[in-house]
Amino acid sequence: MKKDLNYIAKLEKAIRKKYGQEAIENPAKHWDEEKEKEYLLQLKDFVEKQRKKETAIEPENVNGVLITRKLLNKDNKINCPVCKKRTKTVRDDIYMNKFECCEQCYIE
């Protein structure tokens, strides 16, 4: 297939008129070592965040029940807001995170 160079030139001219000179330039023209380093740092941060999210989703075995780590709150809420009793078990912590009450209040 033969390229129509006049059509390509007209197309580039229309794009330049509508979007500016940068729209038709080669993107590698403005890329340098500094931008490459910055990009690699951003990519590294992104990958670390993705890994943290993935590990938060992985289930953890708590008394024979698989629960995502996201639901397990390491900062224990001490008292149930409904019955005012002190939470004692991991299951209470799970119910506190999900339903904002202890296991017994949720059952009742």
N, C-alpha and C. Protein backbone atom coordinates (compact mmCIF):
# COMPACT_ATOMS: atom_id res chain seq x y z
N MET A 1 0.85 -1.18 0.00
CA MET A 1 0.00 0.00 0.00
C MET A 1 0.89 1.24 0.00
N LYS A 2 0.63 2.14 -0.88
CA LYS A 2 1.44 3.35 -1.03
C LYS A 2 0.93 4.45 -0.11
N LYS A 3 1.85 5.10 0.61
CA LYS A 3 1.47 6.17 1.52
C LYS A 3 1.24 7.45 0.74
N ASP A 4 0.18 8.15 1.08
CA ASP A 4 -0.11 9.44 0.46
C ASP A 4 0.52 10.51 1.35
N LEU A 5 1.70 10.98 0.96
CA LEU A 5 2.44 11.94 1.78
C LEU A 5 1.71 13.28 1.89
N ASN A 6 0.97 13.66 0.85
CA ASN A 6 0.20 14.90 0.93
C ASN A 6 -0.89 14.81 1.99
N TYR A 7 -1.55 13.63 2.09
CA TYR A 7 -2.58 13.43 3.11
C TYR A 7 -1.97 13.48 4.51
N ILE A 8 -0.83 12.84 4.68
CA ILE A 8 -0.16 12.85 5.98
C ILE A 8 0.24 14.27 6.37
N ALA A 9 0.75 15.04 5.42
CA ALA A 9 1.14 16.43 5.71
C ALA A 9 -0.08 17.27 6.10
N LYS A 10 -1.19 17.09 5.38
CA LYS A 10 -2.41 17.83 5.71
C LYS A 10 -2.92 17.44 7.10
N LEU A 11 -2.85 16.15 7.41
CA LEU A 11 -3.30 15.67 8.71
C LEU A 11 -2.44 16.25 9.83
N GLU A 12 -1.13 16.25 9.66
CA GLU A 12 -0.23 16.83 10.66
C GLU A 12 -0.49 18.33 10.83
N LYS A 13 -0.74 19.00 9.74
CA LYS A 13 -1.01 20.44 9.79
C LYS A 13 -2.30 20.72 10.56
N ALA A 14 -3.33 19.90 10.32
CA ALA A 14 -4.61 20.09 11.02
C ALA A 14 -4.45 19.80 12.50
N ILE A 15 -3.70 18.77 12.84
CA ILE A 15 -3.47 18.44 14.25
C ILE A 15 -2.69 19.56 14.93
N ARG A 16 -1.66 20.08 14.27
CA ARG A 16 -0.87 21.17 14.83
C ARG A 16 -1.73 22.41 15.05
N LYS A 17 -2.60 22.69 14.12
CA LYS A 17 -3.47 23.85 14.24
C LYS A 17 -4.43 23.70 15.42
N LYS A 18 -4.98 22.51 15.60
CA LYS A 18 -5.96 22.28 16.65
C LYS A 18 -5.33 22.09 18.03
N TYR A 19 -4.22 21.31 18.12
CA TYR A 19 -3.66 20.94 19.42
C TYR A 19 -2.29 21.52 19.72
N GLY A 20 -1.64 22.15 18.76
CA GLY A 20 -0.33 22.74 19.00
C GLY A 20 0.81 21.87 18.48
N GLN A 21 2.01 22.46 18.48
CA GLN A 21 3.19 21.81 17.92
C GLN A 21 3.56 20.53 18.67
N GLU A 22 3.39 20.51 19.99
CA GLU A 22 3.79 19.34 20.78
C GLU A 22 3.01 18.08 20.40
N ALA A 23 1.81 18.24 19.85
CA ALA A 23 0.99 17.09 19.51
C ALA A 23 1.58 16.27 18.36
N ILE A 24 2.37 16.88 17.53
CA ILE A 24 2.92 16.14 16.37
C ILE A 24 4.39 15.80 16.55
N GLU A 25 5.01 16.25 17.64
CA GLU A 25 6.42 15.94 17.87
C GLU A 25 6.59 14.53 18.43
N ASN A 26 7.77 14.01 18.23
CA ASN A 26 8.12 12.70 18.77
C ASN A 26 8.22 12.83 20.29
N PRO A 27 7.50 12.00 21.08
CA PRO A 27 7.55 12.10 22.54
C PRO A 27 8.96 11.90 23.11
N ALA A 28 9.80 11.13 22.44
CA ALA A 28 11.16 10.88 22.93
C ALA A 28 12.03 12.14 22.85
N LYS A 29 11.59 13.13 22.10
CA LYS A 29 12.36 14.37 21.95
C LYS A 29 12.53 15.08 23.29
N HIS A 30 11.51 15.00 24.16
CA HIS A 30 11.55 15.71 25.44
C HIS A 30 11.95 14.80 26.60
N TRP A 31 12.37 13.58 26.30
CA TRP A 31 12.73 12.60 27.34
C TRP A 31 14.23 12.66 27.58
N ASP A 32 14.63 12.72 28.84
CA ASP A 32 16.04 12.73 29.17
C ASP A 32 16.31 11.81 30.37
N GLU A 33 17.55 11.76 30.81
CA GLU A 33 17.93 10.87 31.92
C GLU A 33 17.18 11.21 33.21
N GLU A 34 17.01 12.50 33.47
CA GLU A 34 16.32 12.94 34.70
C GLU A 34 14.87 12.45 34.70
N LYS A 35 14.19 12.59 33.59
CA LYS A 35 12.80 12.12 33.49
C LYS A 35 12.73 10.60 33.59
N GLU A 36 13.74 9.92 33.05
CA GLU A 36 13.78 8.45 33.14
C GLU A 36 13.91 8.01 34.60
N LYS A 37 14.79 8.66 35.36
CA LYS A 37 14.97 8.34 36.78
C LYS A 37 13.68 8.60 37.57
N GLU A 38 13.05 9.74 37.30
CA GLU A 38 11.79 10.09 37.98
C GLU A 38 10.71 9.06 37.66
N TYR A 39 10.64 8.66 36.41
CA TYR A 39 9.65 7.66 36.00
C TYR A 39 9.88 6.33 36.72
N LEU A 40 11.14 5.90 36.80
CA LEU A 40 11.45 4.63 37.46
C LEU A 40 11.11 4.69 38.94
N LEU A 41 11.34 5.83 39.60
CA LEU A 41 10.96 5.98 41.01
C LEU A 41 9.45 5.90 41.19
N GLN A 42 8.71 6.56 40.31
CA GLN A 42 7.25 6.51 40.37
C GLN A 42 6.75 5.09 40.14
N LEU A 43 7.37 4.38 39.22
CA LEU A 43 6.98 3.00 38.92
C LEU A 43 7.25 2.11 40.13
N LYS A 44 8.40 2.31 40.78
CA LYS A 44 8.75 1.53 41.97
C LYS A 44 7.74 1.77 43.09
N ASP A 45 7.37 3.04 43.34
CA ASP A 45 6.37 3.37 44.35
C ASP A 45 5.02 2.72 44.02
N PHE A 46 4.64 2.77 42.76
CA PHE A 46 3.38 2.18 42.33
C PHE A 46 3.35 0.68 42.59
N VAL A 47 4.43 0.00 42.26
CA VAL A 47 4.50 -1.45 42.46
C VAL A 47 4.44 -1.79 43.95
N GLU A 48 5.11 -1.02 44.80
CA GLU A 48 5.06 -1.24 46.25
C GLU A 48 3.64 -1.08 46.78
N LYS A 49 2.93 -0.06 46.33
CA LYS A 49 1.55 0.15 46.76
C LYS A 49 0.66 -1.00 46.32
N GLN A 50 0.86 -1.49 45.09
CA GLN A 50 0.07 -2.62 44.60
C GLN A 50 0.32 -3.86 45.44
N ARG A 51 1.57 -4.10 45.81
CA ARG A 51 1.89 -5.28 46.63
C ARG A 51 1.25 -5.17 48.00
N LYS A 52 1.24 -3.96 48.59
CA LYS A 52 0.60 -3.77 49.89
C LYS A 52 -0.89 -4.07 49.80
N LYS A 53 -1.53 -3.62 48.73
CA LYS A 53 -2.96 -3.88 48.53
C LYS A 53 -3.22 -5.37 48.39
N GLU A 54 -2.35 -6.06 47.64
CA GLU A 54 -2.52 -7.49 47.44
C GLU A 54 -2.38 -8.25 48.76
N THR A 55 -1.43 -7.87 49.59
CA THR A 55 -1.26 -8.56 50.86
C THR A 55 -2.41 -8.26 51.82
N ALA A 56 -3.03 -7.10 51.69
CA ALA A 56 -4.18 -6.77 52.54
C ALA A 56 -5.39 -7.63 52.18
N ILE A 57 -5.45 -8.08 50.95
CA ILE A 57 -6.58 -8.87 50.49
C ILE A 57 -6.40 -10.35 50.83
N GLU A 58 -5.14 -10.80 50.97
CA GLU A 58 -4.87 -12.21 51.26
C GLU A 58 -5.54 -12.62 52.57
N PRO A 59 -6.19 -13.79 52.58
CA PRO A 59 -6.85 -14.23 53.81
C PRO A 59 -5.86 -14.70 54.87
N GLU A 60 -6.25 -14.53 56.11
CA GLU A 60 -5.46 -14.96 57.24
C GLU A 60 -6.32 -15.90 58.09
N ASN A 61 -5.71 -16.95 58.60
CA ASN A 61 -6.43 -17.95 59.37
C ASN A 61 -6.56 -17.47 60.82
N VAL A 62 -7.79 -17.24 61.26
CA VAL A 62 -8.06 -16.83 62.64
C VAL A 62 -9.03 -17.84 63.24
N ASN A 63 -8.52 -18.68 64.11
CA ASN A 63 -9.34 -19.72 64.76
C ASN A 63 -10.10 -20.57 63.76
N GLY A 64 -9.43 -20.94 62.67
CA GLY A 64 -10.04 -21.81 61.67
C GLY A 64 -10.92 -21.10 60.66
N VAL A 65 -10.98 -19.78 60.70
CA VAL A 65 -11.78 -19.00 59.77
C VAL A 65 -10.86 -18.11 58.95
N LEU A 66 -11.01 -18.14 57.63
CA LEU A 66 -10.18 -17.29 56.78
C LEU A 66 -10.81 -15.91 56.67
N ILE A 67 -10.04 -14.89 57.07
CA ILE A 67 -10.52 -13.52 57.07
C ILE A 67 -9.45 -12.65 56.40
N THR A 68 -9.88 -11.71 55.57
CA THR A 68 -8.90 -10.84 54.94
C THR A 68 -8.25 -9.95 55.98
N ARG A 69 -7.00 -9.66 55.77
CA ARG A 69 -6.24 -8.83 56.72
C ARG A 69 -6.83 -7.44 56.82
N LYS A 70 -7.51 -7.03 55.79
CA LYS A 70 -8.14 -5.72 55.79
C LYS A 70 -9.18 -5.60 56.91
N LEU A 71 -9.88 -6.70 57.19
CA LEU A 71 -10.89 -6.69 58.23
C LEU A 71 -10.31 -6.81 59.63
N LEU A 72 -9.10 -7.32 59.71
CA LEU A 72 -8.45 -7.45 61.01
C LEU A 72 -7.82 -6.12 61.38
N ASN A 73 -8.35 -5.49 62.36
CA ASN A 73 -7.84 -4.20 62.79
C ASN A 73 -6.88 -4.42 63.95
N LYS A 74 -5.64 -3.99 63.77
CA LYS A 74 -4.65 -4.18 64.82
C LYS A 74 -4.89 -3.23 65.98
N ASP A 75 -5.52 -2.11 65.72
CA ASP A 75 -5.87 -1.17 66.78
C ASP A 75 -7.22 -1.60 67.35
N ASN A 76 -7.19 -2.33 68.43
CA ASN A 76 -8.43 -2.85 69.00
C ASN A 76 -9.30 -1.72 69.53
N LYS A 77 -10.56 -1.78 69.18
CA LYS A 77 -11.52 -0.87 69.78
C LYS A 77 -11.89 -1.51 71.11
N ILE A 78 -11.70 -0.82 72.18
CA ILE A 78 -11.77 -1.42 73.50
C ILE A 78 -13.19 -1.77 73.92
N ASN A 79 -14.13 -0.87 73.77
CA ASN A 79 -15.50 -1.10 74.26
C ASN A 79 -16.50 -1.10 73.12
N CYS A 80 -17.48 -1.97 73.25
CA CYS A 80 -18.58 -2.03 72.29
C CYS A 80 -19.45 -0.79 72.49
N PRO A 81 -19.76 -0.03 71.43
CA PRO A 81 -20.59 1.16 71.60
C PRO A 81 -22.05 0.85 71.96
N VAL A 82 -22.51 -0.39 71.74
CA VAL A 82 -23.90 -0.75 72.03
C VAL A 82 -24.07 -1.18 73.48
N CYS A 83 -23.29 -2.19 73.90
CA CYS A 83 -23.47 -2.73 75.25
C CYS A 83 -22.44 -2.19 76.25
N LYS A 84 -21.46 -1.46 75.76
CA LYS A 84 -20.41 -0.84 76.59
C LYS A 84 -19.48 -1.86 77.25
N LYS A 85 -19.57 -3.14 76.87
CA LYS A 85 -18.68 -4.15 77.43
C LYS A 85 -17.35 -4.13 76.69
N ARG A 86 -16.32 -4.58 77.37
CA ARG A 86 -14.98 -4.63 76.78
C ARG A 86 -14.92 -5.79 75.77
N THR A 87 -14.38 -5.53 74.60
CA THR A 87 -14.23 -6.59 73.60
C THR A 87 -13.07 -7.49 74.02
N LYS A 88 -13.25 -8.80 73.81
CA LYS A 88 -12.27 -9.75 74.32
C LYS A 88 -11.61 -10.58 73.24
N THR A 89 -12.33 -10.92 72.19
CA THR A 89 -11.81 -11.87 71.21
C THR A 89 -11.54 -11.20 69.86
N VAL A 90 -10.86 -11.95 69.03
CA VAL A 90 -10.60 -11.49 67.66
C VAL A 90 -11.91 -11.38 66.90
N ARG A 91 -12.82 -12.28 67.18
CA ARG A 91 -14.13 -12.24 66.51
C ARG A 91 -14.87 -10.95 66.87
N ASP A 92 -14.75 -10.51 68.13
CA ASP A 92 -15.34 -9.23 68.52
C ASP A 92 -14.74 -8.09 67.69
N ASP A 93 -13.43 -8.16 67.49
CA ASP A 93 -12.76 -7.12 66.69
C ASP A 93 -13.29 -7.12 65.26
N ILE A 94 -13.51 -8.30 64.72
CA ILE A 94 -14.03 -8.40 63.35
C ILE A 94 -15.43 -7.79 63.28
N TYR A 95 -16.28 -8.13 64.22
CA TYR A 95 -17.64 -7.57 64.24
C TYR A 95 -17.60 -6.06 64.47
N MET A 96 -16.65 -5.60 65.29
CA MET A 96 -16.53 -4.15 65.53
C MET A 96 -16.17 -3.42 64.23
N ASN A 97 -15.27 -3.99 63.46
CA ASN A 97 -14.86 -3.37 62.20
C ASN A 97 -15.97 -3.36 61.17
N LYS A 98 -16.68 -4.46 61.11
CA LYS A 98 -17.69 -4.58 60.06
C LYS A 98 -19.05 -4.02 60.45
N PHE A 99 -19.49 -4.25 61.69
CA PHE A 99 -20.84 -3.88 62.09
C PHE A 99 -20.89 -2.86 63.22
N GLU A 100 -19.73 -2.45 63.72
CA GLU A 100 -19.62 -1.45 64.80
C GLU A 100 -20.32 -1.90 66.09
N CYS A 101 -20.23 -3.18 66.39
CA CYS A 101 -20.71 -3.72 67.65
C CYS A 101 -20.00 -5.06 67.88
N CYS A 102 -20.04 -5.57 69.11
CA CYS A 102 -19.39 -6.84 69.40
C CYS A 102 -20.21 -8.00 68.81
N GLU A 103 -19.65 -9.19 68.89
CA GLU A 103 -20.32 -10.36 68.32
C GLU A 103 -21.68 -10.61 68.97
N GLN A 104 -21.73 -10.51 70.28
CA GLN A 104 -22.97 -10.78 71.02
C GLN A 104 -24.07 -9.78 70.65
N CYS A 105 -23.72 -8.50 70.55
CA CYS A 105 -24.73 -7.48 70.16
C CYS A 105 -25.22 -7.73 68.74
N TYR A 106 -24.32 -8.15 67.85
CA TYR A 106 -24.72 -8.43 66.48
C TYR A 106 -25.71 -9.60 66.43
N ILE A 107 -25.43 -10.64 67.22
CA ILE A 107 -26.31 -11.82 67.24
C ILE A 107 -27.69 -11.45 67.79
N GLU A 108 -27.71 -10.63 68.84
CA GLU A 108 -28.99 -10.22 69.42
C GLU A 108 -29.70 -9.25 68.49
